[in-house]
C-alpha atoms as a PDB file:
ATOM      1  CA  MET A   1      -0.040  -0.065  -0.244  1.00  0.00           C
ATOM      2  CA  ASP A   2       1.039   3.592  -0.789  1.00  0.00           C
ATOM      3  CA  LEU A   3      -0.191   7.147   0.265  1.00  0.00           C
ATOM      4  CA  TYR A   4      -2.365   6.980  -3.147  1.00  0.00           C
ATOM      5  CA  ASP A   5      -3.802   4.267  -2.174  1.00  0.00           C
ATOM      6  CA  PHE A   6      -5.643   6.087   0.829  1.00  0.00           C
ATOM      7  CA  SER A   7      -8.765   7.692   0.800  1.00  0.00           C
ATOM      8  CA  VAL A   8     -10.091  10.635   3.506  1.00  0.00           C
ATOM      9  CA  LEU A   9     -12.733  12.523   4.102  1.00  0.00           C
ATOM     10  CA  ASP A  10     -12.700  16.650   3.446  1.00  0.00           C
ATOM     11  CA  SER A  11     -13.797  19.815   5.602  1.00  0.00           C
ATOM     12  CA  GLN A  12     -17.753  18.907   3.796  1.00  0.00           C
ATOM     13  CA  GLY A  13     -17.719  14.991   4.226  1.00  0.00           C
ATOM     14  CA  ASN A  14     -16.604  13.995   0.737  1.00  0.00           C
ATOM     15  CA  THR A  15     -13.988  11.402  -0.138  1.00  0.00           C
ATOM     16  CA  VAL A  16     -11.353  12.711  -1.504  1.00  0.00           C
ATOM     17  CA  LYS A  17      -8.888  10.113  -2.999  1.00  0.00           C
ATOM     18  CA  LEU A  18      -4.970  10.723  -1.994  1.00  0.00           C
ATOM     19  CA  GLU A  19      -4.813   9.581  -6.080  1.00  0.00           C
ATOM     20  CA  GLN A  20      -5.595  13.092  -7.005  1.00  0.00           C
ATOM     21  CA  TYR A  21      -1.983  13.755  -5.676  1.00  0.00           C
ATOM     22  CA  ARG A  22      -0.106  12.191  -7.652  1.00  0.00           C
ATOM     23  CA  ASN A  23       3.320  13.875  -8.985  1.00  0.00           C
ATOM     24  CA  LYS A  24       2.543  16.861  -6.589  1.00  0.00           C
ATOM     25  CA  VAL A  25       4.790  17.944  -3.575  1.00  0.00           C
ATOM     26  CA  LEU A  26       2.805  17.660  -0.398  1.00  0.00           C
ATOM     27  CA  LEU A  27       2.928  18.679   2.900  1.00  0.00           C
ATOM     28  CA  ILE A  28       0.383  17.077   5.514  1.00  0.00           C
ATOM     29  CA  VAL A  29      -0.091  18.539   8.432  1.00  0.00           C
ATOM     30  CA  ASN A  30      -2.417  17.723  11.616  1.00  0.00           C
ATOM     31  CA  THR A  31      -3.420  21.519  12.905  1.00  0.00           C
ATOM     32  CA  ALA A  32      -5.455  23.285  15.655  1.00  0.00           C
ATOM     33  CA  THR A  33      -7.164  26.067  15.987  1.00  0.00           C
ATOM     34  CA  GLY A  34      -6.132  27.007  19.758  1.00  0.00           C
ATOM     35  CA  CYS A  35      -2.681  26.028  19.968  1.00  0.00           C
ATOM     36  CA  GLY A  36       0.301  28.117  20.109  1.00  0.00           C
ATOM     37  CA  PHE A  37       1.597  26.410  16.932  1.00  0.00           C
ATOM     38  CA  THR A  38      -1.906  28.146  15.493  1.00  0.00           C
ATOM     39  CA  PRO A  39       0.274  31.018  13.762  1.00  0.00           C
ATOM     40  CA  GLN A  40       1.705  28.802  11.602  1.00  0.00           C
ATOM     41  CA  TYR A  41      -1.699  28.869   9.264  1.00  0.00           C
ATOM     42  CA  GLU A  42      -0.022  31.979   7.983  1.00  0.00           C
ATOM     43  CA  GLY A  43       3.326  30.762   7.303  1.00  0.00           C
ATOM     44  CA  LEU A  44       1.826  27.342   5.904  1.00  0.00           C
ATOM     45  CA  GLU A  45      -0.801  29.837   3.320  1.00  0.00           C
ATOM     46  CA  LYS A  46       2.593  31.709   2.535  1.00  0.00           C
ATOM     47  CA  LEU A  47       4.277  28.486   1.261  1.00  0.00           C
ATOM     48  CA  TYR A  48       1.060  27.267  -0.501  1.00  0.00           C
ATOM     49  CA  HIS A  49       0.927  30.798  -2.368  1.00  0.00           C
ATOM     50  CA  LYS A  50       4.356  30.633  -3.612  1.00  0.00           C
ATOM     51  CA  PHE A  51       4.200  27.136  -4.416  1.00  0.00           C
ATOM     52  CA  LYS A  52       1.364  26.148  -6.047  1.00  0.00           C
ATOM     53  CA  SER A  53       1.770  27.033  -9.244  1.00  0.00           C
ATOM     54  CA  LYS A  54       4.855  24.871  -9.139  1.00  0.00           C
ATOM     55  CA  GLY A  55       3.109  21.742  -8.027  1.00  0.00           C
ATOM     56  CA  PHE A  56       3.079  21.738  -4.103  1.00  0.00           C
ATOM     57  CA  GLU A  57      -0.249  21.125  -2.108  1.00  0.00           C
ATOM     58  CA  ILE A  58      -0.747  21.138   1.955  1.00  0.00           C
ATOM     59  CA  LEU A  59      -3.111  19.095   3.299  1.00  0.00           C
ATOM     60  CA  ASP A  60      -4.024  20.463   6.326  1.00  0.00           C
ATOM     61  CA  PHE A  61      -6.060  17.458   8.689  1.00  0.00           C
ATOM     62  CA  PRO A  62      -7.486  18.916  12.176  1.00  0.00           C
ATOM     63  CA  CYS A  63      -7.048  17.245  15.262  1.00  0.00           C
ATOM     64  CA  ASN A  64      -8.668  17.835  18.692  1.00  0.00           C
ATOM     65  CA  GLN A  65      -6.386  15.155  20.622  1.00  0.00           C
ATOM     66  CA  PHE A  66      -3.774  17.088  22.022  1.00  0.00           C
ATOM     67  CA  MET A  67      -5.782  19.029  25.181  1.00  0.00           C
ATOM     68  CA  ASN A  68      -8.949  19.689  22.877  1.00  0.00           C
ATOM     69  CA  GLN A  69      -7.192  22.676  21.025  1.00  0.00           C
ATOM     70  CA  ALA A  70      -9.652  22.165  17.715  1.00  0.00           C
ATOM     71  CA  PRO A  71     -12.559  21.736  19.585  1.00  0.00           C
ATOM     72  CA  GLY A  72     -15.079  23.522  16.886  1.00  0.00           C
ATOM     73  CA  SER A  73     -16.975  22.093  13.555  1.00  0.00           C
ATOM     74  CA  ASN A  74     -15.243  21.731  10.302  1.00  0.00           C
ATOM     75  CA  LYS A  75     -17.400  24.407   9.158  1.00  0.00           C
ATOM     76  CA  GLU A  76     -15.977  26.275  11.949  1.00  0.00           C
ATOM     77  CA  ILE A  77     -12.523  25.680  11.665  1.00  0.00           C
ATOM     78  CA  VAL A  78     -12.322  26.031   8.372  1.00  0.00           C
ATOM     79  CA  GLU A  79     -14.372  29.478   8.632  1.00  0.00           C
ATOM     80  CA  PHE A  80     -11.923  29.974  11.548  1.00  0.00           C
ATOM     81  CA  CYS A  81      -8.477  29.474   9.104  1.00  0.00           C
ATOM     82  CA  GLN A  82     -10.118  31.474   6.346  1.00  0.00           C
ATOM     83  CA  LEU A  83     -11.269  34.976   8.340  1.00  0.00           C
ATOM     84  CA  ASN A  84      -8.028  34.719  10.671  1.00  0.00           C
ATOM     85  CA  TYR A  85      -5.034  33.601   8.263  1.00  0.00           C
ATOM     86  CA  GLY A  86      -6.410  33.594   4.606  1.00  0.00           C
ATOM     87  CA  VAL A  87      -6.287  29.979   4.391  1.00  0.00           C
ATOM     88  CA  THR A  88      -6.765  29.102   0.990  1.00  0.00           C
ATOM     89  CA  PHE A  89      -5.576  25.447   1.072  1.00  0.00           C
ATOM     90  CA  LYS A  90      -7.321  21.802   1.674  1.00  0.00           C
ATOM     91  CA  THR A  91      -8.713  21.720   5.001  1.00  0.00           C
ATOM     92  CA  PHE A  92     -10.077  17.850   5.850  1.00  0.00           C
ATOM     93  CA  SER A  93     -12.051  16.434   8.290  1.00  0.00           C
ATOM     94  CA  LYS A  94     -11.472  16.789  11.831  1.00  0.00           C
ATOM     95  CA  ILE A  95      -9.172  13.086  12.413  1.00  0.00           C
ATOM     96  CA  ALA A  96      -7.689  11.093  15.224  1.00  0.00           C
ATOM     97  CA  VAL A  97      -3.432  11.152  14.775  1.00  0.00           C
ATOM     98  CA  ASN A  98      -3.116   8.569  17.568  1.00  0.00           C
ATOM     99  CA  GLY A  99      -4.999   5.511  19.554  1.00  0.00           C
ATOM    100  CA  LYS A 100      -6.975   2.730  18.569  1.00  0.00           C
ATOM    101  CA  ASN A 101      -9.331   5.750  15.659  1.00  0.00           C
ATOM    102  CA  THR A 102      -6.236   6.569  14.059  1.00  0.00           C
ATOM    103  CA  ASP A 103      -6.922   7.851  11.067  1.00  0.00           C
ATOM    104  CA  PRO A 104      -5.381   5.024   8.277  1.00  0.00           C
ATOM    105  CA  LEU A 105      -3.142   7.671   6.623  1.00  0.00           C
ATOM    106  CA  TYR A 106      -1.837   8.716   9.908  1.00  0.00           C
ATOM    107  CA  THR A 107      -0.842   5.113  10.671  1.00  0.00           C
ATOM    108  CA  TYR A 108       0.546   5.300   7.464  1.00  0.00           C
ATOM    109  CA  LEU A 109       2.877   8.106   7.773  1.00  0.00           C
ATOM    110  CA  ARG A 110       3.285   7.567  11.162  1.00  0.00           C
ATOM    111  CA  ASN A 111       5.041   4.311  10.383  1.00  0.00           C
ATOM    112  CA  GLU A 112       7.137   5.877   7.549  1.00  0.00           C
ATOM    113  CA  LYS A 113       8.819   8.378   9.368  1.00  0.00           C
ATOM    114  CA  PRO A 114       8.950   7.173  12.880  1.00  0.00           C
ATOM    115  CA  LEU A 115      11.479  10.137  14.133  1.00  0.00           C
ATOM    116  CA  SER A 116      10.981  14.040  14.226  1.00  0.00           C
ATOM    117  CA  GLU A 117      13.984  15.852  12.967  1.00  0.00           C
ATOM    118  CA  PRO A 118      15.179  17.723  13.637  1.00  0.00           C
ATOM    119  CA  PHE A 119      14.496  18.486  17.225  1.00  0.00           C
ATOM    120  CA  LYS A 120      16.864  19.533  19.948  1.00  0.00           C
ATOM    121  CA  GLY A 121      14.985  18.917  22.938  1.00  0.00           C
ATOM    122  CA  LYS A 122      16.176  17.350  26.597  1.00  0.00           C
ATOM    123  CA  GLY A 123      15.280  14.405  28.486  1.00  0.00           C
ATOM    124  CA  ARG A 124      11.466  14.590  28.899  1.00  0.00           C
ATOM    125  CA  ILE A 125      10.881  16.498  26.400  1.00  0.00           C
ATOM    126  CA  ARG A 126      13.089  15.021  23.648  1.00  0.00           C
ATOM    127  CA  LYS A 127      10.885  11.626  24.186  1.00  0.00           C
ATOM    128  CA  LEU A 128       8.151  13.346  23.243  1.00  0.00           C
ATOM    129  CA  PHE A 129       9.436  13.710  20.366  1.00  0.00           C
ATOM    130  CA  LEU A 130      10.250  10.489  19.288  1.00  0.00           C
ATOM    131  CA  GLY A 131       8.929   7.118  18.345  1.00  0.00           C
ATOM    132  CA  THR A 132       6.071   6.590  15.899  1.00  0.00           C
ATOM    133  CA  LYS A 133       3.412   8.649  18.007  1.00  0.00           C
ATOM    134  CA  ILE A 134       2.540  12.331  17.006  1.00  0.00           C
ATOM    135  CA  GLU A 135       4.499  14.591  19.359  1.00  0.00           C
ATOM    136  CA  TRP A 136       1.712  17.446  18.898  1.00  0.00           C
ATOM    137  CA  ASN A 137      -0.416  19.729  16.375  1.00  0.00           C
ATOM    138  CA  PHE A 138       1.440  21.152  13.498  1.00  0.00           C
ATOM    139  CA  THR A 139       3.528  18.065  12.771  1.00  0.00           C
ATOM    140  CA  LYS A 140       4.477  18.147   9.436  1.00  0.00           C
ATOM    141  CA  PHE A 141       5.436  15.004   6.828  1.00  0.00           C
ATOM    142  CA  LEU A 142       7.162  16.039   3.329  1.00  0.00           C
ATOM    143  CA  ILE A 143       5.745  14.331   0.723  1.00  0.00           C
ATOM    144  CA  ASP A 144       7.467  14.315  -2.619  1.00  0.00           C
ATOM    145  CA  LYS A 145       6.365  13.539  -6.187  1.00  0.00           C
ATOM    146  CA  TYR A 146       6.348  10.183  -6.101  1.00  0.00           C
ATOM    147  CA  GLY A 147       4.111   9.490  -2.951  1.00  0.00           C
ATOM    148  CA  ASN A 148       7.438   8.797  -0.661  1.00  0.00           C
ATOM    149  CA  VAL A 149       7.460  10.493   2.705  1.00  0.00           C
ATOM    150  CA  VAL A 150      10.777  12.466   2.726  1.00  0.00           C
ATOM    151  CA  ASN A 151      10.662  13.738   6.172  1.00  0.00           C
ATOM    152  CA  ARG A 152       8.964  14.360   9.356  1.00  0.00           C
ATOM    153  CA  PHE A 153       9.150  17.951  11.253  1.00  0.00           C
ATOM    154  CA  ALA A 154       8.300  18.589  15.177  1.00  0.00           C
ATOM    155  CA  PRO A 155       5.688  21.418  15.622  1.00  0.00           C
ATOM    156  CA  THR A 156       8.860  23.920  16.195  1.00  0.00           C
ATOM    157  CA  ILE A 157      10.025  23.827  12.754  1.00  0.00           C
ATOM    158  CA  THR A 158       8.356  26.934  11.223  1.00  0.00           C
ATOM    159  CA  PRO A 159       7.065  26.703   7.497  1.00  0.00           C
ATOM    160  CA  GLU A 160       9.536  28.875   6.440  1.00  0.00           C
ATOM    161  CA  GLN A 161      11.747  26.676   7.642  1.00  0.00           C
ATOM    162  CA  LEU A 162      10.472  24.010   5.169  1.00  0.00           C
ATOM    163  CA  LYS A 163      10.871  26.573   1.858  1.00  0.00           C
ATOM    164  CA  THR A 164      14.226  24.930   0.625  1.00  0.00           C
ATOM    165  CA  LYS A 165      13.564  21.152   0.836  1.00  0.00           C
ATOM    166  CA  ILE A 166       9.953  21.763  -0.550  1.00  0.00           C
ATOM    167  CA  GLN A 167      12.094  23.951  -3.616  1.00  0.00           C
ATOM    168  CA  GLU A 168      14.575  20.830  -3.644  1.00  0.00           C
ATOM    169  CA  LEU A 169      11.711  17.931  -4.212  1.00  0.00           C
ATOM    170  CA  LEU A 170      10.062  20.186  -6.690  1.00  0.00           C
END
């Protein structure tokens, strides 16, 4: 099974086959509207605007598993992102990224790139960022044009820091 075999639900509940993203560079992100990292939406939108014409897409998967920081409905989340950050990239239905109800896409992503990189935490904090588990909101997976999961980035890595890596894949 590869990335393009998965189907997900968009924010309106419609099935979207990831096959439609073949030959595009993807950034897949689990997000939240009430998180300290929420301002990263602005940087994500800038990346999207800069590279979308070159075959780049951002797939936004809201997740309420981390301190209930994405409590709204799918519609409320989309409206919040558009109003506050001018988001134009695709937002999907809220999902689970850890635990027994983990969305199959995230099980796949986690197994493909189990370690966050780069992350320079120490002690207990560093341990949160190791292994297959998604550590927090705004964990990012970079996918090449062939559906390979090339990198996994900790939430502390900003969208601006990904610019060069995205350019290399385009």
